[in-house]
C-alpha atoms as a PDB file:
ATOM      1  CA  MET A   1       9.303  11.392  -0.484  1.00  0.00           C
ATOM      2  CA  CYS A   2       7.403   9.405   2.104  1.00  0.00           C
ATOM      3  CA  ALA A   3       5.715   6.052   1.811  1.00  0.00           C
ATOM      4  CA  ARG A   4       2.126   6.019   0.741  1.00  0.00           C
ATOM      5  CA  ASP A   5      -0.131   6.262   3.755  1.00  0.00           C
ATOM      6  CA  ASP A   6      -2.413   3.538   2.407  1.00  0.00           C
ATOM      7  CA  VAL A   7       0.289   0.841   2.261  1.00  0.00           C
ATOM      8  CA  ALA A   8      -0.824  -0.554   5.613  1.00  0.00           C
ATOM      9  CA  THR A   9      -4.328  -1.026   4.224  1.00  0.00           C
ATOM     10  CA  THR A  10      -3.072  -2.863   1.135  1.00  0.00           C
ATOM     11  CA  GLN A  11      -0.632  -5.141   2.998  1.00  0.00           C
ATOM     12  CA  ASP A  12      -1.437  -7.528   5.799  1.00  0.00           C
ATOM     13  CA  TRP A  13       1.636  -7.093   8.002  1.00  0.00           C
ATOM     14  CA  ARG A  14       0.468  -9.962  10.246  1.00  0.00           C
ATOM     15  CA  GLN A  15       0.997 -12.539   7.504  1.00  0.00           C
ATOM     16  CA  LEU A  16       4.433 -13.454   6.190  1.00  0.00           C
ATOM     17  CA  PRO A  17       4.878 -13.136   2.423  1.00  0.00           C
ATOM     18  CA  PRO A  18       5.450 -16.329   0.439  1.00  0.00           C
ATOM     19  CA  GLY A  19       8.998 -17.689   0.488  1.00  0.00           C
ATOM     20  CA  GLY A  20       9.679 -16.901  -3.161  1.00  0.00           C
ATOM     21  CA  HIS A  21       8.715 -13.288  -2.579  1.00  0.00           C
ATOM     22  CA  VAL A  22      11.044 -13.071   0.420  1.00  0.00           C
ATOM     23  CA  GLU A  23      13.949 -14.506  -1.580  1.00  0.00           C
ATOM     24  CA  ALA A  24      13.362 -12.102  -4.479  1.00  0.00           C
ATOM     25  CA  ALA A  25      13.186  -9.144  -2.078  1.00  0.00           C
ATOM     26  CA  VAL A  26      16.401 -10.259  -0.353  1.00  0.00           C
ATOM     27  CA  ASP A  27      18.095 -10.506  -3.753  1.00  0.00           C
ATOM     28  CA  ALA A  28      16.977  -6.954  -4.595  1.00  0.00           C
ATOM     29  CA  PHE A  29      18.291  -5.605  -1.290  1.00  0.00           C
ATOM     30  CA  ARG A  30      21.544  -7.505  -1.795  1.00  0.00           C
ATOM     31  CA  MET A  31      21.971  -5.894  -5.216  1.00  0.00           C
ATOM     32  CA  LEU A  32      21.340  -2.436  -3.786  1.00  0.00           C
ATOM     33  CA  SER A  33      23.794  -2.949  -0.912  1.00  0.00           C
ATOM     34  CA  ASP A  34      26.760  -2.164  -3.174  1.00  0.00           C
ATOM     35  CA  PRO A  35      27.531   1.591  -3.391  1.00  0.00           C
ATOM     36  CA  THR A  36      28.301   1.520  -7.116  1.00  0.00           C
ATOM     37  CA  ARG A  37      25.142  -0.415  -7.938  1.00  0.00           C
ATOM     38  CA  LEU A  38      23.043   1.921  -5.782  1.00  0.00           C
ATOM     39  CA  ARG A  39      24.477   4.945  -7.620  1.00  0.00           C
ATOM     40  CA  VAL A  40      23.875   3.286 -10.993  1.00  0.00           C
ATOM     41  CA  VAL A  41      20.262   2.458 -10.135  1.00  0.00           C
ATOM     42  CA  TRP A  42      19.749   5.993  -8.817  1.00  0.00           C
ATOM     43  CA  LEU A  43      20.852   7.429 -12.171  1.00  0.00           C
ATOM     44  CA  LEU A  44      18.696   4.922 -14.040  1.00  0.00           C
ATOM     45  CA  CYS A  45      15.668   6.098 -12.047  1.00  0.00           C
ATOM     46  CA  GLY A  46      15.958   9.437 -13.831  1.00  0.00           C
ATOM     47  CA  ALA A  47      16.771   8.427 -17.409  1.00  0.00           C
ATOM     48  CA  GLU A  48      18.156   5.772 -19.708  1.00  0.00           C
ATOM     49  CA  HIS A  49      21.931   5.509 -19.890  1.00  0.00           C
ATOM     50  CA  ASP A  50      24.502   3.386 -21.645  1.00  0.00           C
ATOM     51  CA  VAL A  51      27.421   1.722 -19.865  1.00  0.00           C
ATOM     52  CA  THR A  52      29.929   4.413 -20.874  1.00  0.00           C
ATOM     53  CA  ALA A  53      27.804   7.263 -19.499  1.00  0.00           C
ATOM     54  CA  LEU A  54      27.122   5.382 -16.267  1.00  0.00           C
ATOM     55  CA  ALA A  55      30.798   4.531 -15.779  1.00  0.00           C
ATOM     56  CA  ALA A  56      31.759   8.179 -16.183  1.00  0.00           C
ATOM     57  CA  ALA A  57      28.998   9.377 -13.853  1.00  0.00           C
ATOM     58  CA  VAL A  58      29.792   6.980 -11.006  1.00  0.00           C
ATOM     59  CA  GLY A  59      33.569   7.053 -11.470  1.00  0.00           C
ATOM     60  CA  ALA A  60      33.975   3.335 -12.077  1.00  0.00           C
ATOM     61  CA  ALA A  61      35.604   1.305 -14.816  1.00  0.00           C
ATOM     62  CA  ARG A  62      33.373   0.441 -17.761  1.00  0.00           C
ATOM     63  CA  PRO A  63      33.824  -3.362 -17.368  1.00  0.00           C
ATOM     64  CA  ALA A  64      32.902  -3.127 -13.680  1.00  0.00           C
ATOM     65  CA  VAL A  65      29.746  -1.126 -14.445  1.00  0.00           C
ATOM     66  CA  SER A  66      28.858  -3.612 -17.173  1.00  0.00           C
ATOM     67  CA  GLN A  67      29.092  -6.462 -14.646  1.00  0.00           C
ATOM     68  CA  HIS A  68      27.009  -4.528 -12.138  1.00  0.00           C
ATOM     69  CA  LEU A  69      24.346  -3.950 -14.799  1.00  0.00           C
ATOM     70  CA  ALA A  70      24.281  -7.643 -15.660  1.00  0.00           C
ATOM     71  CA  LYS A  71      23.648  -8.491 -11.997  1.00  0.00           C
ATOM     72  CA  LEU A  72      20.978  -5.806 -11.675  1.00  0.00           C
ATOM     73  CA  LYS A  73      19.262  -7.090 -14.808  1.00  0.00           C
ATOM     74  CA  LEU A  74      19.366 -10.670 -13.522  1.00  0.00           C
ATOM     75  CA  ALA A  75      17.797  -9.490 -10.244  1.00  0.00           C
ATOM     76  CA  GLY A  76      15.009  -7.783 -12.214  1.00  0.00           C
ATOM     77  CA  LEU A  77      15.892  -4.244 -11.125  1.00  0.00           C
ATOM     78  CA  VAL A  78      16.849  -2.865 -14.546  1.00  0.00           C
ATOM     79  CA  THR A  79      15.866  -3.487 -18.144  1.00  0.00           C
ATOM     80  CA  VAL A  80      17.833  -3.008 -21.323  1.00  0.00           C
ATOM     81  CA  ARG A  81      16.844  -2.051 -24.845  1.00  0.00           C
ATOM     82  CA  ARG A  82      18.978  -1.959 -27.933  1.00  0.00           C
ATOM     83  CA  GLU A  83      19.406   1.112 -30.085  1.00  0.00           C
ATOM     84  CA  GLY A  84      21.595  -0.096 -32.918  1.00  0.00           C
ATOM     85  CA  ARG A  85      24.765  -1.422 -31.296  1.00  0.00           C
ATOM     86  CA  ARG A  86      24.173   0.557 -28.119  1.00  0.00           C
ATOM     87  CA  ALA A  87      22.500  -0.942 -25.053  1.00  0.00           C
ATOM     88  CA  LEU A  88      20.425   1.511 -23.031  1.00  0.00           C
ATOM     89  CA  TYR A  89      19.537   0.654 -19.446  1.00  0.00           C
ATOM     90  CA  ARG A  90      16.745   1.965 -17.264  1.00  0.00           C
ATOM     91  CA  VAL A  91      15.191   1.083 -13.944  1.00  0.00           C
ATOM     92  CA  ARG A  92      12.392  -1.459 -14.061  1.00  0.00           C
ATOM     93  CA  GLY A  93       9.382   0.545 -12.948  1.00  0.00           C
ATOM     94  CA  GLY A  94       8.019   2.590 -10.132  1.00  0.00           C
ATOM     95  CA  HIS A  95       8.491   0.022  -7.390  1.00  0.00           C
ATOM     96  CA  VAL A  96      12.264   0.169  -7.773  1.00  0.00           C
ATOM     97  CA  ARG A  97      12.188   3.983  -7.882  1.00  0.00           C
ATOM     98  CA  ARG A  98      10.097   4.191  -4.726  1.00  0.00           C
ATOM     99  CA  LEU A  99      12.214   1.596  -2.928  1.00  0.00           C
ATOM    100  CA  LEU A 100      15.396   3.499  -3.686  1.00  0.00           C
ATOM    101  CA  ALA A 101      13.878   6.878  -2.840  1.00  0.00           C
ATOM    102  CA  GLU A 102      12.592   5.560   0.492  1.00  0.00           C
ATOM    103  CA  ALA A 103      15.976   4.033   1.361  1.00  0.00           C
ATOM    104  CA  VAL A 104      17.798   7.293   0.653  1.00  0.00           C
ATOM    105  CA  GLU A 105      15.153   9.294   2.514  1.00  0.00           C
ATOM    106  CA  ALA A 106      15.449   6.968   5.538  1.00  0.00           C
ATOM    107  CA  ALA A 107      19.235   7.439   5.414  1.00  0.00           C
ATOM    108  CA  ASP A 108      18.721  11.198   5.346  1.00  0.00           C
ATOM    109  CA  HIS A 109      16.498  11.020   8.446  1.00  0.00           C
ATOM    110  CA  HIS A 110      19.097   8.885  10.212  1.00  0.00           C
ATOM    111  CA  LEU A 111      22.017  11.144   9.290  1.00  0.00           C
ATOM    112  CA  THR A 112      20.306  14.464   9.966  1.00  0.00           C
ATOM    113  CA  GLY A 113      18.294  13.437  13.012  1.00  0.00           C
ATOM    114  CA  ARG A 114      14.982  14.451  11.424  1.00  0.00           C
ATOM    115  CA  PRO A 115      12.075  12.514  12.946  1.00  0.00           C
ATOM    116  CA  ASP A 116      10.768   9.478  11.067  1.00  0.00           C
ATOM    117  CA  HIS A 117       7.354   9.393   9.429  1.00  0.00           C
ATOM    118  CA  ASP A 118       4.699   7.121  10.900  1.00  0.00           C
END
């Protein structure tokens, strides 16, 4: 996946974003800087999951995954809905999906030596 070519036309890269936007973006990057949280968000990009399924998939303890999800929810990266007593988590929209996909794609370019996109 590569970034949309029209992003440069929709963003004015010469102007700094407002401070609140910068802080929120920094918080999102901080949340994604943890390997377990990144794996959890990756899985949530594809489908809804409960804490037990996520813990098994990422190989982490259920309480730890639950804490990670609470932080991700507070940062606005995931949402939760109740189905009876079960809480189902999912990523909060396309922006988060694209951000994560771009980060992993950039890592792939770095690790494999493939040239970057302009």
